[in-house]
Structure formats: C-alpha cells, structure tokens
Amino acid sequence: MTARGGWFSRANALDAGYSAGELRLRVRRGHWLRLSRDVYVDPLDWPADEAPWERAQRMHVLTARAVAGRMALTRWSVTSRPQYFTGSRPGDWT
C-alpha cells in the first residue's frame, strides 16, 4: 500500500481478509475513502487539521496515481497513431 502512495484495490482488501460487507461498512463510516471504482485509501495517517483544499489536492493526486497504476497499455495504444481522414479513399489517409 505504501509503495502505491496509500491506495489499494477492492481485490487487495478481499485478499487481506475483508469481506465485501466490511469494505462497504468501512467506506460508509469514513474509515476508508473511495478514490474511484474499486479503489480506496485509508486516511488514518492524514493530518487532522489539513485544510480542505489540501485534502482535495491529496485526493486528486491519489486518484490520478491509482488510475494510472491500474491502466494497462495495450499493443494497440502503444504502436498505433491516430489516422486522420483527408480524402475519399483509405490510401488518402495520413
């Protein structure tokens, strides 16, 4: 969890022995915060007197890291470049 900046996935929580019900309860009670679908963070070590804008910034950074960490680059996204239509035939595409 610390290697990722504190976020963890639903699968990580289930692997650690939490049930789906316990996960929902922890989120509902505010023990864990939802960053995005199936991604959570435990704010226990965050400063209690943190300004709201600093907390929002922290959440934004963690969400971006979690989303980037979960993205899988496919061969298509790495090797292809966008095709732009400049004519009426496929050979006219650049």
PDB file of N, CA and C in Angstrom:
ATOM      1  N   MET A   1       0.811  -1.194   0.000  1.00  0.00           N
ATOM      2  CA  MET A   1       0.000   0.000   0.000  1.00  0.00           C
ATOM      3  C   MET A   1       0.858   1.264   0.000  1.00  0.00           C
ATOM      4  N   THR A   2       1.910   1.292   0.792  1.00  0.00           N
ATOM      5  CA  THR A   2       2.747   2.496   0.829  1.00  0.00           C
ATOM      6  C   THR A   2       3.501   2.691  -0.479  1.00  0.00           C
ATOM      7  N   ALA A   3       3.862   1.613  -1.142  1.00  0.00           N
ATOM      8  CA  ALA A   3       4.577   1.739  -2.408  1.00  0.00           C
ATOM      9  C   ALA A   3       3.712   2.433  -3.449  1.00  0.00           C
ATOM     10  N   ARG A   4       2.400   2.336  -3.300  1.00  0.00           N
ATOM     11  CA  ARG A   4       1.480   2.959  -4.241  1.00  0.00           C
ATOM     12  C   ARG A   4       0.990   4.306  -3.750  1.00  0.00           C
ATOM     13  N   GLY A   5       1.488   4.792  -2.661  1.00  0.00           N
ATOM     14  CA  GLY A   5       1.041   6.075  -2.138  1.00  0.00           C
ATOM     15  C   GLY A   5      -0.151   5.957  -1.209  1.00  0.00           C
ATOM     16  N   GLY A   6      -0.476   4.751  -0.788  1.00  0.00           N
ATOM     17  CA  GLY A   6      -1.543   4.566   0.174  1.00  0.00           C
ATOM     18  C   GLY A   6      -2.843   4.014  -0.374  1.00  0.00           C
ATOM     19  N   TRP A   7      -3.014   3.950  -1.675  1.00  0.00           N
ATOM     20  CA  TRP A   7      -4.261   3.432  -2.220  1.00  0.00           C
ATOM     21  C   TRP A   7      -4.186   1.922  -2.360  1.00  0.00           C
ATOM     22  N   PHE A   8      -5.351   1.292  -2.367  1.00  0.00           N
ATOM     23  CA  PHE A   8      -5.434  -0.155  -2.550  1.00  0.00           C
ATOM     24  C   PHE A   8      -6.723  -0.486  -3.287  1.00  0.00           C
ATOM     25  N   SER A   9      -6.739  -1.641  -3.886  1.00  0.00           N
ATOM     26  CA  SER A   9      -7.902  -2.041  -4.671  1.00  0.00           C
ATOM     27  C   SER A   9      -8.848  -2.902  -3.835  1.00  0.00           C
ATOM     28  N   ARG A  10     -10.025  -3.078  -4.348  1.00  0.00           N
ATOM     29  CA  ARG A  10     -11.002  -3.958  -3.714  1.00  0.00           C
ATOM     30  C   ARG A  10     -10.431  -5.368  -3.586  1.00  0.00           C
ATOM     31  N   ALA A  11      -9.756  -5.823  -4.650  1.00  0.00           N
ATOM     32  CA  ALA A  11      -9.144  -7.156  -4.625  1.00  0.00           C
ATOM     33  C   ALA A  11      -8.099  -7.256  -3.512  1.00  0.00           C
ATOM     34  N   ASN A  12      -7.316  -6.180  -3.307  1.00  0.00           N
ATOM     35  CA  ASN A  12      -6.333  -6.182  -2.218  1.00  0.00           C
ATOM     36  C   ASN A  12      -7.017  -6.346  -0.876  1.00  0.00           C
ATOM     37  N   ALA A  13      -8.120  -5.625  -0.672  1.00  0.00           N
ATOM     38  CA  ALA A  13      -8.853  -5.697   0.599  1.00  0.00           C
ATOM     39  C   ALA A  13      -9.436  -7.090   0.806  1.00  0.00           C
ATOM     40  N   LEU A  14     -10.018  -7.664  -0.244  1.00  0.00           N
ATOM     41  CA  LEU A  14     -10.580  -9.010  -0.140  1.00  0.00           C
ATOM     42  C   LEU A  14      -9.485 -10.033   0.133  1.00  0.00           C
ATOM     43  N   ASP A  15      -8.330  -9.882  -0.527  1.00  0.00           N
ATOM     44  CA  ASP A  15      -7.188 -10.781  -0.292  1.00  0.00           C
ATOM     45  C   ASP A  15      -6.666 -10.670   1.140  1.00  0.00           C
ATOM     46  N   ALA A  16      -6.812  -9.480   1.729  1.00  0.00           N
ATOM     47  CA  ALA A  16      -6.347  -9.256   3.105  1.00  0.00           C
ATOM     48  C   ALA A  16      -7.340  -9.804   4.131  1.00  0.00           C
ATOM     49  N   GLY A  17      -8.466 -10.329   3.668  1.00  0.00           N
ATOM     50  CA  GLY A  17      -9.413 -10.948   4.575  1.00  0.00           C
ATOM     51  C   GLY A  17     -10.670 -10.145   4.872  1.00  0.00           C
ATOM     52  N   TYR A  18     -10.812  -8.962   4.294  1.00  0.00           N
ATOM     53  CA  TYR A  18     -12.026  -8.177   4.481  1.00  0.00           C
ATOM     54  C   TYR A  18     -13.126  -8.739   3.589  1.00  0.00           C
ATOM     55  N   SER A  19     -14.341  -8.767   4.092  1.00  0.00           N
ATOM     56  CA  SER A  19     -15.469  -9.196   3.265  1.00  0.00           C
ATOM     57  C   SER A  19     -15.995  -7.983   2.501  1.00  0.00           C
ATOM     58  N   ALA A  20     -16.837  -8.247   1.512  1.00  0.00           N
ATOM     59  CA  ALA A  20     -17.440  -7.152   0.747  1.00  0.00           C
ATOM     60  C   ALA A  20     -18.279  -6.267   1.669  1.00  0.00           C
ATOM     61  N   GLY A  21     -18.949  -6.880   2.633  1.00  0.00           N
ATOM     62  CA  GLY A  21     -19.752  -6.117   3.591  1.00  0.00           C
ATOM     63  C   GLY A  21     -18.901  -5.232   4.482  1.00  0.00           C
ATOM     64  N   GLU A  22     -17.762  -5.759   4.945  1.00  0.00           N
ATOM     65  CA  GLU A  22     -16.851  -4.951   5.769  1.00  0.00           C
ATOM     66  C   GLU A  22     -16.298  -3.782   4.975  1.00  0.00           C
ATOM     67  N   LEU A  23     -16.006  -4.021   3.714  1.00  0.00           N
ATOM     68  CA  LEU A  23     -15.489  -2.949   2.860  1.00  0.00           C
ATOM     69  C   LEU A  23     -16.525  -1.831   2.741  1.00  0.00           C
ATOM     70  N   ARG A  24     -17.772  -2.199   2.446  1.00  0.00           N
ATOM     71  CA  ARG A  24     -18.835  -1.180   2.335  1.00  0.00           C
ATOM     72  C   ARG A  24     -19.016  -0.421   3.648  1.00  0.00           C
ATOM     73  N   LEU A  25     -18.955  -1.136   4.770  1.00  0.00           N
ATOM     74  CA  LEU A  25     -19.126  -0.513   6.079  1.00  0.00           C
ATOM     75  C   LEU A  25     -17.998   0.472   6.383  1.00  0.00           C
ATOM     76  N   ARG A  26     -16.772   0.104   6.064  1.00  0.00           N
ATOM     77  CA  ARG A  26     -15.636   1.000   6.301  1.00  0.00           C
ATOM     78  C   ARG A  26     -15.765   2.268   5.465  1.00  0.00           C
ATOM     79  N   VAL A  27     -16.235   2.143   4.237  1.00  0.00           N
ATOM     80  CA  VAL A  27     -16.433   3.328   3.388  1.00  0.00           C
ATOM     81  C   VAL A  27     -17.568   4.179   3.958  1.00  0.00           C
ATOM     82  N   ARG A  28     -18.667   3.545   4.325  1.00  0.00           N
ATOM     83  CA  ARG A  28     -19.826   4.279   4.852  1.00  0.00           C
ATOM     84  C   ARG A  28     -19.467   5.036   6.125  1.00  0.00           C
ATOM     85  N   ARG A  29     -18.639   4.441   6.982  1.00  0.00           N
ATOM     86  CA  ARG A  29     -18.258   5.081   8.245  1.00  0.00           C
ATOM     87  C   ARG A  29     -17.110   6.078   8.079  1.00  0.00           C
ATOM     88  N   GLY A  30     -16.525   6.152   6.895  1.00  0.00           N
ATOM     89  CA  GLY A  30     -15.454   7.107   6.647  1.00  0.00           C
ATOM     90  C   GLY A  30     -14.071   6.614   7.025  1.00  0.00           C
ATOM     91  N   HIS A  31     -13.951   5.334   7.373  1.00  0.00           N
ATOM     92  CA  HIS A  31     -12.631   4.779   7.695  1.00  0.00           C
ATOM     93  C   HIS A  31     -11.776   4.645   6.448  1.00  0.00           C
ATOM     94  N   TRP A  32     -12.421   4.347   5.340  1.00  0.00           N
ATOM     95  CA  TRP A  32     -11.759   4.316   4.042  1.00  0.00           C
ATOM     96  C   TRP A  32     -12.497   5.272   3.123  1.00  0.00           C
ATOM     97  N   LEU A  33     -11.778   5.886   2.197  1.00  0.00           N
ATOM     98  CA  LEU A  33     -12.375   6.778   1.208  1.00  0.00           C
ATOM     99  C   LEU A  33     -12.265   6.138  -0.163  1.00  0.00           C
ATOM    100  N   ARG A  34     -13.309   6.294  -0.960  1.00  0.00           N
ATOM    101  CA  ARG A  34     -13.313   5.744  -2.312  1.00  0.00           C
ATOM    102  C   ARG A  34     -12.639   6.754  -3.246  1.00  0.00           C
ATOM    103  N   LEU A  35     -11.604   6.323  -3.954  1.00  0.00           N
ATOM    104  CA  LEU A  35     -10.936   7.184  -4.932  1.00  0.00           C
ATOM    105  C   LEU A  35     -11.590   7.058  -6.298  1.00  0.00           C
ATOM    106  N   SER A  36     -11.904   5.844  -6.679  1.00  0.00           N
ATOM    107  CA  SER A  36     -12.601   5.560  -7.926  1.00  0.00           C
ATOM    108  C   SER A  36     -13.189   4.162  -7.782  1.00  0.00           C
ATOM    109  N   ARG A  37     -13.772   3.659  -8.839  1.00  0.00           N
ATOM    110  CA  ARG A  37     -14.399   2.346  -8.749  1.00  0.00           C
ATOM    111  C   ARG A  37     -13.383   1.297  -8.300  1.00  0.00           C
ATOM    112  N   ASP A  38     -13.694   0.638  -7.184  1.00  0.00           N
ATOM    113  CA  ASP A  38     -12.877  -0.441  -6.622  1.00  0.00           C
ATOM    114  C   ASP A  38     -11.480   0.001  -6.194  1.00  0.00           C
ATOM    115  N   VAL A  39     -11.292   1.281  -5.906  1.00  0.00           N
ATOM    116  CA  VAL A  39     -10.010   1.792  -5.422  1.00  0.00           C
ATOM    117  C   VAL A  39     -10.276   2.653  -4.189  1.00  0.00           C
ATOM    118  N   TYR A  40      -9.532   2.393  -3.124  1.00  0.00           N
ATOM    119  CA  TYR A  40      -9.773   3.040  -1.835  1.00  0.00           C
ATOM    120  C   TYR A  40      -8.465   3.530  -1.225  1.00  0.00           C
ATOM    121  N   VAL A  41      -8.611   4.371  -0.202  1.00  0.00           N
ATOM    122  CA  VAL A  41      -7.461   4.861   0.550  1.00  0.00           C
ATOM    123  C   VAL A  41      -7.878   4.934   2.023  1.00  0.00           C
ATOM    124  N   ASP A  42      -6.928   4.679   2.899  1.00  0.00           N
ATOM    125  CA  ASP A  42      -7.155   4.787   4.338  1.00  0.00           C
ATOM    126  C   ASP A  42      -6.559   6.118   4.799  1.00  0.00           C
ATOM    127  N   PRO A  43      -7.399   7.083   5.183  1.00  0.00           N
ATOM    128  CA  PRO A  43      -6.904   8.415   5.545  1.00  0.00           C
ATOM    129  C   PRO A  43      -6.435   8.528   6.996  1.00  0.00           C
ATOM    130  N   LEU A  44      -6.224   7.415   7.684  1.00  0.00           N
ATOM    131  CA  LEU A  44      -5.891   7.412   9.106  1.00  0.00           C
ATOM    132  C   LEU A  44      -4.667   8.272   9.425  1.00  0.00           C
ATOM    133  N   ASP A  45      -3.649   8.232   8.610  1.00  0.00           N
ATOM    134  CA  ASP A  45      -2.402   8.960   8.896  1.00  0.00           C
ATOM    135  C   ASP A  45      -2.381  10.379   8.350  1.00  0.00           C
ATOM    136  N   TRP A  46      -3.474  10.824   7.764  1.00  0.00           N
ATOM    137  CA  TRP A  46      -3.519  12.181   7.231  1.00  0.00           C
ATOM    138  C   TRP A  46      -3.662  13.178   8.372  1.00  0.00           C
ATOM    139  N   PRO A  47      -3.112  14.370   8.228  1.00  0.00           N
ATOM    140  CA  PRO A  47      -3.231  15.388   9.287  1.00  0.00           C
ATOM    141  C   PRO A  47      -4.693  15.752   9.563  1.00  0.00           C
ATOM    142  N   ALA A  48      -5.064  15.774  10.825  1.00  0.00           N
ATOM    143  CA  ALA A  48      -6.447  16.093  11.207  1.00  0.00           C
ATOM    144  C   ALA A  48      -6.784  17.551  10.911  1.00  0.00           C
ATOM    145  N   ASP A  49      -5.786  18.422  10.974  1.00  0.00           N
ATOM    146  CA  ASP A  49      -6.033  19.848  10.755  1.00  0.00           C
ATOM    147  C   ASP A  49      -5.740  20.277   9.313  1.00  0.00           C
ATOM    148  N   GLU A  50      -5.731  19.324   8.396  1.00  0.00           N
ATOM    149  CA  GLU A  50      -5.450  19.611   6.990  1.00  0.00           C
ATOM    150  C   GLU A  50      -6.549  20.501   6.410  1.00  0.00           C
ATOM    151  N   ALA A  51      -6.144  21.534   5.693  1.00  0.00           N
ATOM    152  CA  ALA A  51      -7.105  22.446   5.058  1.00  0.00           C
ATOM    153  C   ALA A  51      -7.899  21.693   3.991  1.00  0.00           C
ATOM    154  N   PRO A  52      -9.148  22.068   3.788  1.00  0.00           N
ATOM    155  CA  PRO A  52      -9.987  21.363   2.805  1.00  0.00           C
ATOM    156  C   PRO A  52      -9.376  21.322   1.405  1.00  0.00           C
ATOM    157  N   TRP A  53      -8.739  22.412   0.971  1.00  0.00           N
ATOM    158  CA  TRP A  53      -8.148  22.433  -0.364  1.00  0.00           C
ATOM    159  C   TRP A  53      -6.928  21.513  -0.439  1.00  0.00           C
ATOM    160  N   GLU A  54      -6.207  21.363   0.670  1.00  0.00           N
ATOM    161  CA  GLU A  54      -5.069  20.440   0.681  1.00  0.00           C
ATOM    162  C   GLU A  54      -5.560  18.989   0.631  1.00  0.00           C
ATOM    163  N   ARG A  55      -6.653  18.716   1.346  1.00  0.00           N
ATOM    164  CA  ARG A  55      -7.242  17.367   1.297  1.00  0.00           C
ATOM    165  C   ARG A  55      -7.755  17.075  -0.110  1.00  0.00           C
ATOM    166  N   ALA A  56      -8.380  18.047  -0.748  1.00  0.00           N
ATOM    167  CA  ALA A  56      -8.874  17.859  -2.119  1.00  0.00           C
ATOM    168  C   ALA A  56      -7.716  17.596  -3.073  1.00  0.00           C
ATOM    169  N   GLN A  57      -6.621  18.321  -2.878  1.00  0.00           N
ATOM    170  CA  GLN A  57      -5.441  18.109  -3.722  1.00  0.00           C
ATOM    171  C   GLN A  57      -4.869  16.715  -3.492  1.00  0.00           C
ATOM    172  N   ARG A  58      -4.786  16.301  -2.237  1.00  0.00           N
ATOM    173  CA  ARG A  58      -4.277  14.964  -1.904  1.00  0.00           C
ATOM    174  C   ARG A  58      -5.138  13.892  -2.578  1.00  0.00           C
ATOM    175  N   MET A  59      -6.473  14.044  -2.491  1.00  0.00           N
ATOM    176  CA  MET A  59      -7.388  13.088  -3.100  1.00  0.00           C
ATOM    177  C   MET A  59      -7.215  13.061  -4.617  1.00  0.00           C
ATOM    178  N   HIS A  60      -7.044  14.237  -5.217  1.00  0.00           N
ATOM    179  CA  HIS A  60      -6.858  14.317  -6.664  1.00  0.00           C
ATOM    180  C   HIS A  60      -5.586  13.585  -7.090  1.00  0.00           C
ATOM    181  N   VAL A  61      -4.488  13.832  -6.399  1.00  0.00           N
ATOM    182  CA  VAL A  61      -3.208  13.194  -6.734  1.00  0.00           C
ATOM    183  C   VAL A  61      -3.310  11.683  -6.561  1.00  0.00           C
ATOM    184  N   LEU A  62      -3.897  11.240  -5.448  1.00  0.00           N
ATOM    185  CA  LEU A  62      -4.042   9.800  -5.219  1.00  0.00           C
ATOM    186  C   LEU A  62      -4.935   9.151  -6.275  1.00  0.00           C
ATOM    187  N   THR A  63      -6.007   9.828  -6.649  1.00  0.00           N
ATOM    188  CA  THR A  63      -6.899   9.287  -7.677  1.00  0.00           C
ATOM    189  C   THR A  63      -6.164   9.150  -9.001  1.00  0.00           C
ATOM    190  N   ALA A  64      -5.411  10.178  -9.368  1.00  0.00           N
ATOM    191  CA  ALA A  64      -4.648  10.123 -10.620  1.00  0.00           C
ATOM    192  C   ALA A  64      -3.628   8.995 -10.591  1.00  0.00           C
ATOM    193  N   ARG A  65      -2.937   8.828  -9.475  1.00  0.00           N
ATOM    194  CA  ARG A  65      -1.948   7.750  -9.357  1.00  0.00           C
ATOM    195  C   ARG A  65      -2.618   6.384  -9.412  1.00  0.00           C
ATOM    196  N   ALA A  66      -3.754   6.253  -8.756  1.00  0.00           N
ATOM    197  CA  ALA A  66      -4.460   4.970  -8.754  1.00  0.00           C
ATOM    198  C   ALA A  66      -4.944   4.611 -10.151  1.00  0.00           C
ATOM    199  N   VAL A  67      -5.509   5.583 -10.853  1.00  0.00           N
ATOM    200  CA  VAL A  67      -5.994   5.324 -12.205  1.00  0.00           C
ATOM    201  C   VAL A  67      -4.820   4.976 -13.117  1.00  0.00           C
ATOM    202  N   ALA A  68      -3.743   5.737 -13.022  1.00  0.00           N
ATOM    203  CA  ALA A  68      -2.559   5.460 -13.853  1.00  0.00           C
ATOM    204  C   ALA A  68      -1.959   4.106 -13.501  1.00  0.00           C
ATOM    205  N   GLY A  69      -1.961   3.766 -12.236  1.00  0.00           N
ATOM    206  CA  GLY A  69      -1.407   2.481 -11.804  1.00  0.00           C
ATOM    207  C   GLY A  69      -2.213   1.293 -12.262  1.00  0.00           C
ATOM    208  N   ARG A  70      -3.498   1.494 -12.494  1.00  0.00           N
ATOM    209  CA  ARG A  70      -4.364   0.399 -12.913  1.00  0.00           C
ATOM    210  C   ARG A  70      -4.518   0.297 -14.419  1.00  0.00           C
ATOM    211  N   MET A  71      -4.030   1.302 -15.149  1.00  0.00           N
ATOM    212  CA  MET A  71      -4.169   1.286 -16.608  1.00  0.00           C
ATOM    213  C   MET A  71      -3.200   0.280 -17.208  1.00  0.00           C
ATOM    214  N   ALA A  72      -3.671  -0.424 -18.184  1.00  0.00           N
ATOM    215  CA  ALA A  72      -2.804  -1.369 -18.898  1.00  0.00           C
ATOM    216  C   ALA A  72      -2.583  -0.826 -20.305  1.00  0.00           C
ATOM    217  N   LEU A  73      -1.338  -0.701 -20.667  1.00  0.00           N
ATOM    218  CA  LEU A  73      -1.048  -0.255 -22.030  1.00  0.00           C
ATOM    219  C   LEU A  73      -1.138  -1.453 -22.955  1.00  0.00           C
ATOM    220  N   THR A  74      -1.923  -1.323 -23.970  1.00  0.00           N
ATOM    221  CA  THR A  74      -2.057  -2.406 -24.928  1.00  0.00           C
ATOM    222  C   THR A  74      -1.135  -2.158 -26.106  1.00  0.00           C
ATOM    223  N   ARG A  75      -0.925  -3.181 -26.882  1.00  0.00           N
ATOM    224  CA  ARG A  75      -0.084  -3.028 -28.069  1.00  0.00           C
ATOM    225  C   ARG A  75      -0.690  -1.976 -28.988  1.00  0.00           C
ATOM    226  N   TRP A  76      -2.022  -1.964 -29.076  1.00  0.00           N
ATOM    227  CA  TRP A  76      -2.701  -1.006 -29.939  1.00  0.00           C
ATOM    228  C   TRP A  76      -2.401   0.425 -29.516  1.00  0.00           C
ATOM    229  N   SER A  77      -2.473   0.703 -28.223  1.00  0.00           N
ATOM    230  CA  SER A  77      -2.291   2.075 -27.771  1.00  0.00           C
ATOM    231  C   SER A  77      -0.839   2.527 -27.868  1.00  0.00           C
ATOM    232  N   VAL A  78       0.083   1.585 -27.871  1.00  0.00           N
ATOM    233  CA  VAL A  78       1.496   1.942 -27.910  1.00  0.00           C
ATOM    234  C   VAL A  78       2.004   2.069 -29.335  1.00  0.00           C
ATOM    235  N   THR A  79       1.538   1.192 -30.230  1.00  0.00           N
ATOM    236  CA  THR A  79       2.140   1.148 -31.562  1.00  0.00           C
ATOM    237  C   THR A  79       1.383   1.909 -32.621  1.00  0.00           C
ATOM    238  N   SER A  80       0.133   2.219 -32.394  1.00  0.00           N
ATOM    239  CA  SER A  80      -0.626   2.877 -33.459  1.00  0.00           C
ATOM    240  C   SER A  80      -0.645   4.385 -33.252  1.00  0.00           C
ATOM    241  N   ARG A  81      -0.845   5.082 -34.325  1.00  0.00           N
ATOM    242  CA  ARG A  81      -1.006   6.524 -34.234  1.00  0.00           C
ATOM    243  C   ARG A  81      -2.348   6.861 -34.839  1.00  0.00           C
ATOM    244  N   PRO A  82      -2.936   7.961 -34.459  1.00  0.00           N
ATOM    245  CA  PRO A  82      -4.256   8.300 -34.994  1.00  0.00           C
ATOM    246  C   PRO A  82      -4.240   8.451 -36.505  1.00  0.00           C
ATOM    247  N   GLN A  83      -5.302   8.047 -37.121  1.00  0.00           N
ATOM    248  CA  GLN A  83      -5.455   8.195 -38.565  1.00  0.00           C
ATOM    249  C   GLN A  83      -6.425   9.344 -38.809  1.00  0.00           C
ATOM    250  N   TYR A  84      -6.050  10.239 -39.666  1.00  0.00           N
ATOM    251  CA  TYR A  84      -6.895  11.382 -39.988  1.00  0.00           C
ATOM    252  C   TYR A  84      -7.370  11.245 -41.419  1.00  0.00           C
ATOM    253  N   PHE A  85      -8.637  11.433 -41.638  1.00  0.00           N
ATOM    254  CA  PHE A  85      -9.220  11.327 -42.967  1.00  0.00           C
ATOM    255  C   PHE A  85      -8.972  12.623 -43.734  1.00  0.00           C
ATOM    256  N   THR A  86      -8.270  12.507 -44.854  1.00  0.00           N
ATOM    257  CA  THR A  86      -8.000  13.700 -45.664  1.00  0.00           C
ATOM    258  C   THR A  86      -8.486  13.543 -47.087  1.00  0.00           C
ATOM    259  N   GLY A  87      -9.120  12.421 -47.390  1.00  0.00           N
ATOM    260  CA  GLY A  87      -9.604  12.202 -48.753  1.00  0.00           C
ATOM    261  C   GLY A  87     -10.730  11.200 -48.750  1.00  0.00           C
ATOM    262  N   SER A  88     -11.050  10.697 -49.927  1.00  0.00           N
ATOM    263  CA  SER A  88     -12.189   9.788 -50.043  1.00  0.00           C
ATOM    264  C   SER A  88     -11.788   8.317 -50.077  1.00  0.00           C
ATOM    265  N   ARG A  89     -10.491   8.021 -50.202  1.00  0.00           N
ATOM    266  CA  ARG A  89     -10.031   6.630 -50.276  1.00  0.00           C
ATOM    267  C   ARG A  89      -9.118   6.337 -49.090  1.00  0.00           C
ATOM    268  N   PRO A  90      -9.108   5.083 -48.608  1.00  0.00           N
ATOM    269  CA  PRO A  90      -8.225   4.739 -47.487  1.00  0.00           C
ATOM    270  C   PRO A  90      -6.757   5.105 -47.746  1.00  0.00           C
ATOM    271  N   GLY A  91      -6.313   5.032 -49.010  1.00  0.00           N
ATOM    272  CA  GLY A  91      -4.950   5.400 -49.329  1.00  0.00           C
ATOM    273  C   GLY A  91      -4.660   6.892 -49.123  1.00  0.00           C
ATOM    274  N   ASP A  92      -5.726   7.689 -49.054  1.00  0.00           N
ATOM    275  CA  ASP A  92      -5.567   9.122 -48.855  1.00  0.00           C
ATOM    276  C   ASP A  92      -5.441   9.488 -47.373  1.00  0.00           C
ATOM    277  N   TRP A  93      -5.560   8.514 -46.495  1.00  0.00           N
ATOM    278  CA  TRP A  93      -5.458   8.788 -45.063  1.00  0.00           C
ATOM    279  C   TRP A  93      -4.004   8.989 -44.696  1.00  0.00           C
ATOM    280  N   THR A  94      -3.740   9.879 -43.778  1.00  0.00           N
ATOM    281  CA  THR A  94      -2.358  10.106 -43.334  1.00  0.00           C
ATOM    282  C   THR A  94      -2.227   9.806 -41.865  1.00  0.00           C
TER     283      THR A  94
END
